[in-house]
PDB file of N, CA and C in Angstrom:
ATOM      1  N   MET A   1       0.852  -1.166   0.000  1.00  0.00           N
ATOM      2  CA  MET A   1       0.000   0.000   0.000  1.00  0.00           C
ATOM      3  C   MET A   1       0.903   1.235   0.000  1.00  0.00           C
ATOM      4  N   PRO A   2       0.686   2.143  -0.949  1.00  0.00           N
ATOM      5  CA  PRO A   2       1.540   3.326  -1.010  1.00  0.00           C
ATOM      6  C   PRO A   2       1.224   4.281   0.140  1.00  0.00           C
ATOM      7  N   ILE A   3       2.219   4.980   0.548  1.00  0.00           N
ATOM      8  CA  ILE A   3       2.053   5.975   1.605  1.00  0.00           C
ATOM      9  C   ILE A   3       1.891   7.325   0.935  1.00  0.00           C
ATOM     10  N   ALA A   4       0.835   8.011   1.272  1.00  0.00           N
ATOM     11  CA  ALA A   4       0.567   9.320   0.671  1.00  0.00           C
ATOM     12  C   ALA A   4       0.676  10.395   1.742  1.00  0.00           C
ATOM     13  N   ARG A   5       1.021  11.580   1.306  1.00  0.00           N
ATOM     14  CA  ARG A   5       1.092  12.700   2.234  1.00  0.00           C
ATOM     15  C   ARG A   5      -0.304  13.123   2.641  1.00  0.00           C
ATOM     16  N   LYS A   6      -0.417  13.665   3.819  1.00  0.00           N
ATOM     17  CA  LYS A   6      -1.680  14.184   4.327  1.00  0.00           C
ATOM     18  C   LYS A   6      -2.094  15.353   3.439  1.00  0.00           C
ATOM     19  N   PRO A   7      -3.344  15.351   2.963  1.00  0.00           N
ATOM     20  CA  PRO A   7      -3.760  16.448   2.089  1.00  0.00           C
ATOM     21  C   PRO A   7      -3.776  17.770   2.851  1.00  0.00           C
ATOM     22  N   SER A   8      -3.431  18.829   2.132  1.00  0.00           N
ATOM     23  CA  SER A   8      -3.440  20.153   2.770  1.00  0.00           C
ATOM     24  C   SER A   8      -4.880  20.601   2.969  1.00  0.00           C
ATOM     25  N   ARG A   9      -5.094  21.330   4.025  1.00  0.00           N
ATOM     26  CA  ARG A   9      -6.438  21.796   4.369  1.00  0.00           C
ATOM     27  C   ARG A   9      -6.786  22.999   3.515  1.00  0.00           C
ATOM     28  N   ASN A  10      -7.986  22.980   2.948  1.00  0.00           N
ATOM     29  CA  ASN A  10      -8.459  24.074   2.122  1.00  0.00           C
ATOM     30  C   ASN A  10      -9.139  25.098   3.029  1.00  0.00           C
ATOM     31  N   THR A  11      -8.474  26.176   3.308  1.00  0.00           N
ATOM     32  CA  THR A  11      -9.035  27.192   4.210  1.00  0.00           C
ATOM     33  C   THR A  11     -10.121  28.009   3.534  1.00  0.00           C
ATOM     34  N   ASN A  12     -10.217  27.953   2.215  1.00  0.00           N
ATOM     35  CA  ASN A  12     -11.264  28.697   1.511  1.00  0.00           C
ATOM     36  C   ASN A  12     -12.622  28.023   1.663  1.00  0.00           C
ATOM     37  N   ALA A  13     -12.629  26.760   2.053  1.00  0.00           N
ATOM     38  CA  ALA A  13     -13.879  26.026   2.164  1.00  0.00           C
ATOM     39  C   ALA A  13     -14.569  26.251   3.502  1.00  0.00           C
ATOM     40  N   VAL A  14     -13.984  26.983   4.409  1.00  0.00           N
ATOM     41  CA  VAL A  14     -14.582  27.221   5.718  1.00  0.00           C
ATOM     42  C   VAL A  14     -15.787  28.132   5.552  1.00  0.00           C
ATOM     43  N   VAL A  15     -16.901  27.758   6.151  1.00  0.00           N
ATOM     44  CA  VAL A  15     -18.137  28.530   6.041  1.00  0.00           C
ATOM     45  C   VAL A  15     -18.060  29.724   6.983  1.00  0.00           C
ATOM     46  N   PRO A  16     -18.336  30.936   6.494  1.00  0.00           N
ATOM     47  CA  PRO A  16     -18.307  32.099   7.376  1.00  0.00           C
ATOM     48  C   PRO A  16     -19.378  31.990   8.458  1.00  0.00           C
ATOM     49  N   HIS A  17     -19.143  32.650   9.584  1.00  0.00           N
ATOM     50  CA  HIS A  17     -20.019  32.575  10.749  1.00  0.00           C
ATOM     51  C   HIS A  17     -21.438  33.034  10.428  1.00  0.00           C
ATOM     52  N   ASP A  18     -21.590  34.087   9.643  1.00  0.00           N
ATOM     53  CA  ASP A  18     -22.936  34.592   9.337  1.00  0.00           C
ATOM     54  C   ASP A  18     -23.729  33.607   8.491  1.00  0.00           C
ATOM     55  N   ALA A  19     -23.066  32.823   7.680  1.00  0.00           N
ATOM     56  CA  ALA A  19     -23.763  31.812   6.889  1.00  0.00           C
ATOM     57  C   ALA A  19     -24.335  30.729   7.808  1.00  0.00           C
ATOM     58  N   ASP A  20     -23.605  30.393   8.880  1.00  0.00           N
ATOM     59  CA  ASP A  20     -24.119  29.429   9.854  1.00  0.00           C
ATOM     60  C   ASP A  20     -25.372  29.961  10.525  1.00  0.00           C
ATOM     61  N   GLU A  21     -25.352  31.239  10.880  1.00  0.00           N
ATOM     62  CA  GLU A  21     -26.516  31.848  11.527  1.00  0.00           C
ATOM     63  C   GLU A  21     -27.716  31.844  10.585  1.00  0.00           C
ATOM     64  N   GLN A  22     -27.492  32.157   9.324  1.00  0.00           N
ATOM     65  CA  GLN A  22     -28.579  32.167   8.344  1.00  0.00           C
ATOM     66  C   GLN A  22     -29.159  30.764   8.172  1.00  0.00           C
ATOM     67  N   ALA A  23     -28.292  29.792   8.136  1.00  0.00           N
ATOM     68  CA  ALA A  23     -28.767  28.411   7.997  1.00  0.00           C
ATOM     69  C   ALA A  23     -29.574  28.003   9.220  1.00  0.00           C
ATOM     70  N   GLU A  24     -29.112  28.379  10.399  1.00  0.00           N
ATOM     71  CA  GLU A  24     -29.828  28.039  11.632  1.00  0.00           C
ATOM     72  C   GLU A  24     -31.212  28.694  11.655  1.00  0.00           C
ATOM     73  N   LYS A  25     -31.306  29.959  11.255  1.00  0.00           N
ATOM     74  CA  LYS A  25     -32.601  30.653  11.205  1.00  0.00           C
ATOM     75  C   LYS A  25     -33.541  29.960  10.216  1.00  0.00           C
ATOM     76  N   PHE A  26     -32.993  29.561   9.086  1.00  0.00           N
ATOM     77  CA  PHE A  26     -33.804  28.884   8.084  1.00  0.00           C
ATOM     78  C   PHE A  26     -34.360  27.566   8.630  1.00  0.00           C
ATOM     79  N   ILE A  27     -33.492  26.815   9.292  1.00  0.00           N
ATOM     80  CA  ILE A  27     -33.915  25.526   9.837  1.00  0.00           C
ATOM     81  C   ILE A  27     -34.968  25.709  10.920  1.00  0.00           C
ATOM     82  N   LEU A  28     -34.742  26.660  11.815  1.00  0.00           N
ATOM     83  CA  LEU A  28     -35.699  26.888  12.898  1.00  0.00           C
ATOM     84  C   LEU A  28     -37.034  27.417  12.384  1.00  0.00           C
ATOM     85  N   GLY A  29     -37.016  28.171  11.306  1.00  0.00           N
ATOM     86  CA  GLY A  29     -38.242  28.733  10.765  1.00  0.00           C
ATOM     87  C   GLY A  29     -38.977  27.798   9.829  1.00  0.00           C
ATOM     88  N   ALA A  30     -38.403  26.668   9.518  1.00  0.00           N
ATOM     89  CA  ALA A  30     -39.010  25.746   8.562  1.00  0.00           C
ATOM     90  C   ALA A  30     -40.340  25.204   9.054  1.00  0.00           C
ATOM     91  N   ASP A  31     -40.471  24.993  10.353  1.00  0.00           N
ATOM     92  CA  ASP A  31     -41.700  24.436  10.898  1.00  0.00           C
ATOM     93  C   ASP A  31     -42.649  25.505  11.441  1.00  0.00           C
ATOM     94  N   ALA A  32     -42.327  26.756  11.276  1.00  0.00           N
ATOM     95  CA  ALA A  32     -43.151  27.825  11.833  1.00  0.00           C
ATOM     96  C   ALA A  32     -44.544  27.802  11.200  1.00  0.00           C
ATOM     97  N   GLY A  33     -45.558  27.761  12.031  1.00  0.00           N
ATOM     98  CA  GLY A  33     -46.933  27.805  11.551  1.00  0.00           C
ATOM     99  C   GLY A  33     -47.460  26.481  11.045  1.00  0.00           C
ATOM    100  N   VAL A  34     -46.681  25.456  11.123  1.00  0.00           N
ATOM    101  CA  VAL A  34     -47.129  24.152  10.650  1.00  0.00           C
ATOM    102  C   VAL A  34     -47.284  23.233  11.853  1.00  0.00           C
ATOM    103  N   ALA A  35     -48.459  22.656  11.987  1.00  0.00           N
ATOM    104  CA  ALA A  35     -48.702  21.744  13.107  1.00  0.00           C
ATOM    105  C   ALA A  35     -47.906  20.460  12.898  1.00  0.00           C
ATOM    106  N   PRO A  36     -47.390  19.922  13.970  1.00  0.00           N
ATOM    107  CA  PRO A  36     -46.672  18.660  13.815  1.00  0.00           C
ATOM    108  C   PRO A  36     -47.636  17.553  13.389  1.00  0.00           C
ATOM    109  N   PRO A  37     -47.146  16.579  12.647  1.00  0.00           N
ATOM    110  CA  PRO A  37     -48.047  15.511  12.200  1.00  0.00           C
ATOM    111  C   PRO A  37     -48.610  14.739  13.385  1.00  0.00           C
ATOM    112  N   ALA A  38     -49.856  14.334  13.250  1.00  0.00           N
ATOM    113  CA  ALA A  38     -50.499  13.566  14.309  1.00  0.00           C
ATOM    114  C   ALA A  38     -49.813  12.208  14.432  1.00  0.00           C
ATOM    115  N   PRO A  39     -49.632  11.752  15.651  1.00  0.00           N
ATOM    116  CA  PRO A  39     -49.000  10.438  15.812  1.00  0.00           C
ATOM    117  C   PRO A  39     -49.888   9.353  15.214  1.00  0.00           C
ATOM    118  N   THR A  40     -49.261   8.446  14.545  1.00  0.00           N
ATOM    119  CA  THR A  40     -50.025   7.355  13.946  1.00  0.00           C
ATOM    120  C   THR A  40     -50.033   6.168  14.901  1.00  0.00           C
ATOM    121  N   VAL A  41     -51.138   5.502  14.928  1.00  0.00           N
ATOM    122  CA  VAL A  41     -51.269   4.314  15.759  1.00  0.00           C
ATOM    123  C   VAL A  41     -50.936   3.116  14.881  1.00  0.00           C
ATOM    124  N   ALA A  42     -49.934   2.416  15.273  1.00  0.00           N
ATOM    125  CA  ALA A  42     -49.522   1.255  14.489  1.00  0.00           C
ATOM    126  C   ALA A  42     -50.566   0.153  14.628  1.00  0.00           C
ATOM    127  N   PRO A  43     -50.940  -0.456  13.513  1.00  0.00           N
ATOM    128  CA  PRO A  43     -51.903  -1.556  13.613  1.00  0.00           C
ATOM    129  C   PRO A  43     -51.297  -2.720  14.377  1.00  0.00           C
ATOM    130  N   LYS A  44     -52.149  -3.439  15.070  1.00  0.00           N
ATOM    131  CA  LYS A  44     -51.658  -4.587  15.821  1.00  0.00           C
ATOM    132  C   LYS A  44     -51.164  -5.647  14.854  1.00  0.00           C
ATOM    133  N   LYS A  45     -50.006  -6.168  15.167  1.00  0.00           N
ATOM    134  CA  LYS A  45     -49.457  -7.231  14.328  1.00  0.00           C
ATOM    135  C   LYS A  45     -50.148  -8.540  14.665  1.00  0.00           C
ATOM    136  N   ARG A  46     -50.469  -9.266  13.610  1.00  0.00           N
ATOM    137  CA  ARG A  46     -51.063 -10.579  13.821  1.00  0.00           C
ATOM    138  C   ARG A  46     -49.950 -11.532  14.217  1.00  0.00           C
ATOM    139  N   VAL A  47     -50.167 -12.195  15.292  1.00  0.00           N
ATOM    140  CA  VAL A  47     -49.156 -13.128  15.788  1.00  0.00           C
ATOM    141  C   VAL A  47     -49.342 -14.456  15.060  1.00  0.00           C
ATOM    142  N   LYS A  48     -48.263 -14.927  14.483  1.00  0.00           N
ATOM    143  CA  LYS A  48     -48.297 -16.213  13.789  1.00  0.00           C
ATOM    144  C   LYS A  48     -47.517 -17.204  14.609  1.00  0.00           C
ATOM    145  N   GLU A  49     -48.057 -18.387  14.697  1.00  0.00           N
ATOM    146  CA  GLU A  49     -47.386 -19.442  15.443  1.00  0.00           C
ATOM    147  C   GLU A  49     -46.526 -20.250  14.486  1.00  0.00           C
ATOM    148  N   GLN A  50     -45.325 -20.504  14.892  1.00  0.00           N
ATOM    149  CA  GLN A  50     -44.411 -21.288  14.067  1.00  0.00           C
ATOM    150  C   GLN A  50     -44.664 -22.769  14.311  1.00  0.00           C
ATOM    151  N   ILE A  51     -44.777 -23.521  13.208  1.00  0.00           N
ATOM    152  CA  ILE A  51     -44.984 -24.963  13.313  1.00  0.00           C
ATOM    153  C   ILE A  51     -43.932 -25.679  12.467  1.00  0.00           C
ATOM    154  N   MET A  52     -43.781 -26.944  12.716  1.00  0.00           N
ATOM    155  CA  MET A  52     -42.852 -27.742  11.922  1.00  0.00           C
ATOM    156  C   MET A  52     -43.645 -28.858  11.253  1.00  0.00           C
ATOM    157  N   MET A  53     -43.354 -29.087   9.963  1.00  0.00           N
ATOM    158  CA  MET A  53     -44.037 -30.139   9.214  1.00  0.00           C
ATOM    159  C   MET A  53     -42.986 -31.011   8.549  1.00  0.00           C
ATOM    160  N   ARG A  54     -43.285 -32.284   8.436  1.00  0.00           N
ATOM    161  CA  ARG A  54     -42.398 -33.206   7.721  1.00  0.00           C
ATOM    162  C   ARG A  54     -43.098 -33.615   6.431  1.00  0.00           C
ATOM    163  N   MET A  55     -42.357 -33.544   5.312  1.00  0.00           N
ATOM    164  CA  MET A  55     -42.905 -33.905   4.010  1.00  0.00           C
ATOM    165  C   MET A  55     -41.862 -34.648   3.202  1.00  0.00           C
ATOM    166  N   ASP A  56     -42.346 -35.423   2.248  1.00  0.00           N
ATOM    167  CA  ASP A  56     -41.450 -36.089   1.313  1.00  0.00           C
ATOM    168  C   ASP A  56     -40.727 -35.035   0.479  1.00  0.00           C
ATOM    169  N   GLN A  57     -39.505 -35.348   0.080  1.00  0.00           N
ATOM    170  CA  GLN A  57     -38.702 -34.411  -0.705  1.00  0.00           C
ATOM    171  C   GLN A  57     -39.405 -34.037  -2.008  1.00  0.00           C
ATOM    172  N   ALA A  58     -40.061 -34.987  -2.643  1.00  0.00           N
ATOM    173  CA  ALA A  58     -40.755 -34.707  -3.903  1.00  0.00           C
ATOM    174  C   ALA A  58     -41.877 -33.695  -3.697  1.00  0.00           C
ATOM    175  N   MET A  59     -42.576 -33.794  -2.561  1.00  0.00           N
ATOM    176  CA  MET A  59     -43.653 -32.854  -2.271  1.00  0.00           C
ATOM    177  C   MET A  59     -43.089 -31.450  -2.038  1.00  0.00           C
ATOM    178  N   VAL A  60     -41.984 -31.361  -1.339  1.00  0.00           N
ATOM    179  CA  VAL A  60     -41.349 -30.064  -1.079  1.00  0.00           C
ATOM    180  C   VAL A  60     -40.910 -29.426  -2.395  1.00  0.00           C
ATOM    181  N   GLU A  61     -40.342 -30.218  -3.287  1.00  0.00           N
ATOM    182  CA  GLU A  61     -39.908 -29.698  -4.583  1.00  0.00           C
ATOM    183  C   GLU A  61     -41.092 -29.203  -5.406  1.00  0.00           C
ATOM    184  N   ALA A  62     -42.208 -29.941  -5.369  1.00  0.00           N
ATOM    185  CA  ALA A  62     -43.412 -29.513  -6.092  1.00  0.00           C
ATOM    186  C   ALA A  62     -43.959 -28.211  -5.502  1.00  0.00           C
ATOM    187  N   ILE A  63     -43.958 -28.106  -4.177  1.00  0.00           N
ATOM    188  CA  ILE A  63     -44.416 -26.878  -3.526  1.00  0.00           C
ATOM    189  C   ILE A  63     -43.525 -25.713  -3.936  1.00  0.00           C
ATOM    190  N   ASP A  64     -42.224 -25.921  -3.921  1.00  0.00           N
ATOM    191  CA  ASP A  64     -41.295 -24.859  -4.299  1.00  0.00           C
ATOM    192  C   ASP A  64     -41.517 -24.395  -5.730  1.00  0.00           C
ATOM    193  N   ARG A  65     -41.767 -25.322  -6.655  1.00  0.00           N
ATOM    194  CA  ARG A  65     -42.018 -24.949  -8.054  1.00  0.00           C
ATOM    195  C   ARG A  65     -43.287 -24.121  -8.172  1.00  0.00           C
ATOM    196  N   ARG A  66     -44.352 -24.560  -7.519  1.00  0.00           N
ATOM    197  CA  ARG A  66     -45.623 -23.827  -7.597  1.00  0.00           C
ATOM    198  C   ARG A  66     -45.524 -22.473  -6.914  1.00  0.00           C
ATOM    199  N   ALA A  67     -44.839 -22.414  -5.799  1.00  0.00           N
ATOM    200  CA  ALA A  67     -44.670 -21.132  -5.098  1.00  0.00           C
ATOM    201  C   ALA A  67     -43.858 -20.164  -5.958  1.00  0.00           C
ATOM    202  N   ALA A  68     -42.808 -20.659  -6.590  1.00  0.00           N
ATOM    203  CA  ALA A  68     -41.968 -19.811  -7.442  1.00  0.00           C
ATOM    204  C   ALA A  68     -42.759 -19.266  -8.620  1.00  0.00           C
ATOM    205  N   ARG A  69     -43.641 -20.097  -9.183  1.00  0.00           N
ATOM    206  CA  ARG A  69     -44.468 -19.653 -10.303  1.00  0.00           C
ATOM    207  C   ARG A  69     -45.333 -18.454  -9.916  1.00  0.00           C
ATOM    208  N   LEU A  70     -45.760 -18.410  -8.654  1.00  0.00           N
ATOM    209  CA  LEU A  70     -46.604 -17.309  -8.168  1.00  0.00           C
ATOM    210  C   LEU A  70     -45.797 -16.200  -7.499  1.00  0.00           C
ATOM    211  N   GLY A  71     -44.491 -16.384  -7.427  1.00  0.00           N
ATOM    212  CA  GLY A  71     -43.646 -15.375  -6.781  1.00  0.00           C
ATOM    213  C   GLY A  71     -43.800 -15.357  -5.271  1.00  0.00           C
ATOM    214  N   LEU A  72     -44.110 -16.507  -4.687  1.00  0.00           N
ATOM    215  CA  LEU A  72     -44.322 -16.617  -3.244  1.00  0.00           C
ATOM    216  C   LEU A  72     -43.228 -17.467  -2.613  1.00  0.00           C
ATOM    217  N   SER A  73     -43.077 -17.282  -1.325  1.00  0.00           N
ATOM    218  CA  SER A  73     -42.187 -18.169  -0.579  1.00  0.00           C
ATOM    219  C   SER A  73     -42.928 -19.483  -0.339  1.00  0.00           C
ATOM    220  N   ARG A  74     -42.192 -20.488   0.054  1.00  0.00           N
ATOM    221  CA  ARG A  74     -42.806 -21.778   0.389  1.00  0.00           C
ATOM    222  C   ARG A  74     -43.829 -21.607   1.503  1.00  0.00           C
ATOM    223  N   SER A  75     -43.466 -20.825   2.504  1.00  0.00           N
ATOM    224  CA  SER A  75     -44.348 -20.609   3.651  1.00  0.00           C
ATOM    225  C   SER A  75     -45.627 -19.873   3.240  1.00  0.00           C
ATOM    226  N   ALA A  76     -45.481 -18.827   2.417  1.00  0.00           N
ATOM    227  CA  ALA A  76     -46.653 -18.065   1.978  1.00  0.00           C
ATOM    228  C   ALA A  76     -47.573 -18.928   1.124  1.00  0.00           C
ATOM    229  N   TRP A  77     -46.995 -19.736   0.241  1.00  0.00           N
ATOM    230  CA  TRP A  77     -47.808 -20.610  -0.606  1.00  0.00           C
ATOM    231  C   TRP A  77     -48.567 -21.619   0.260  1.00  0.00           C
ATOM    232  N   THR A  78     -47.887 -22.190   1.237  1.00  0.00           N
ATOM    233  CA  THR A  78     -48.529 -23.178   2.103  1.00  0.00           C
ATOM    234  C   THR A  78     -49.682 -22.543   2.884  1.00  0.00           C
ATOM    235  N   ARG A  79     -49.470 -21.342   3.429  1.00  0.00           N
ATOM    236  CA  ARG A  79     -50.555 -20.656   4.144  1.00  0.00           C
ATOM    237  C   ARG A  79     -51.739 -20.381   3.226  1.00  0.00           C
ATOM    238  N   MET A  80     -51.456 -19.972   1.985  1.00  0.00           N
ATOM    239  CA  MET A  80     -52.509 -19.680   1.022  1.00  0.00           C
ATOM    240  C   MET A  80     -53.337 -20.928   0.720  1.00  0.00           C
ATOM    241  N   VAL A  81     -52.668 -22.034   0.471  1.00  0.00           N
ATOM    242  CA  VAL A  81     -53.365 -23.277   0.131  1.00  0.00           C
ATOM    243  C   VAL A  81     -54.192 -23.774   1.317  1.00  0.00           C
ATOM    244  N   ILE A  82     -53.629 -23.690   2.507  1.00  0.00           N
ATOM    245  CA  ILE A  82     -54.374 -24.127   3.697  1.00  0.00           C
ATOM    246  C   ILE A  82     -55.579 -23.227   3.930  1.00  0.00           C
ATOM    247  N   ALA A  83     -55.425 -21.914   3.752  1.00  0.00           N
ATOM    248  CA  ALA A  83     -56.540 -20.983   3.932  1.00  0.00           C
ATOM    249  C   ALA A  83     -57.661 -21.289   2.941  1.00  0.00           C
ATOM    250  N   ARG A  84     -57.296 -21.572   1.682  1.00  0.00           N
ATOM    251  CA  ARG A  84     -58.313 -21.922   0.679  1.00  0.00           C
ATOM    252  C   ARG A  84     -59.034 -23.214   1.064  1.00  0.00           C
ATOM    253  N   ALA A  85     -58.276 -24.187   1.525  1.00  0.00           N
ATOM    254  CA  ALA A  85     -58.897 -25.463   1.923  1.00  0.00           C
ATOM    255  C   ALA A  85     -59.862 -25.257   3.082  1.00  0.00           C
ATOM    256  N   LEU A  86     -59.479 -24.423   4.033  1.00  0.00           N
ATOM    257  CA  LEU A  86     -60.354 -24.158   5.168  1.00  0.00           C
ATOM    258  C   LEU A  86     -61.607 -23.384   4.762  1.00  0.00           C
ATOM    259  N   GLU A  87     -61.465 -22.461   3.811  1.00  0.00           N
ATOM    260  CA  GLU A  87     -62.643 -21.723   3.315  1.00  0.00           C
ATOM    261  C   GLU A  87     -63.609 -22.656   2.602  1.00  0.00           C
ATOM    262  N   ASN A  88     -63.066 -23.564   1.782  1.00  0.00           N
ATOM    263  CA  ASN A  88     -63.907 -24.492   1.030  1.00  0.00           C
ATOM    264  C   ASN A  88     -64.577 -25.518   1.932  1.00  0.00           C
ATOM    265  N   ASP A  89     -63.960 -25.776   3.067  1.00  0.00           N
ATOM    266  CA  ASP A  89     -64.485 -26.765   3.996  1.00  0.00           C
ATOM    267  C   ASP A  89     -65.611 -26.204   4.851  1.00  0.00           C
ATOM    268  N   ALA A  90     -65.663 -24.890   4.968  1.00  0.00           N
ATOM    269  CA  ALA A  90     -66.634 -24.248   5.869  1.00  0.00           C
ATOM    270  C   ALA A  90     -68.062 -24.356   5.377  1.00  0.00           C
TER     271      ALA A  90
END
């Protein structure tokens, strides 16, 4: 790795004091007359229970192919299929 000299400091790039004051006034005045946004209430998250299932490798591969065709994860596809089965059973 080559060793380089420390770059010289550019003293022309220093912001004058009055520019800092102007920026501070601008920032402080940005919210003047505007009410703060109302706090939003986060919707309750649905709690999902994690389960474990055992399946034949061929079944897992078929699920993965069908899920990929729909752009879903294996888990999302499985939930969708189970939900449909439960709706049809009702």
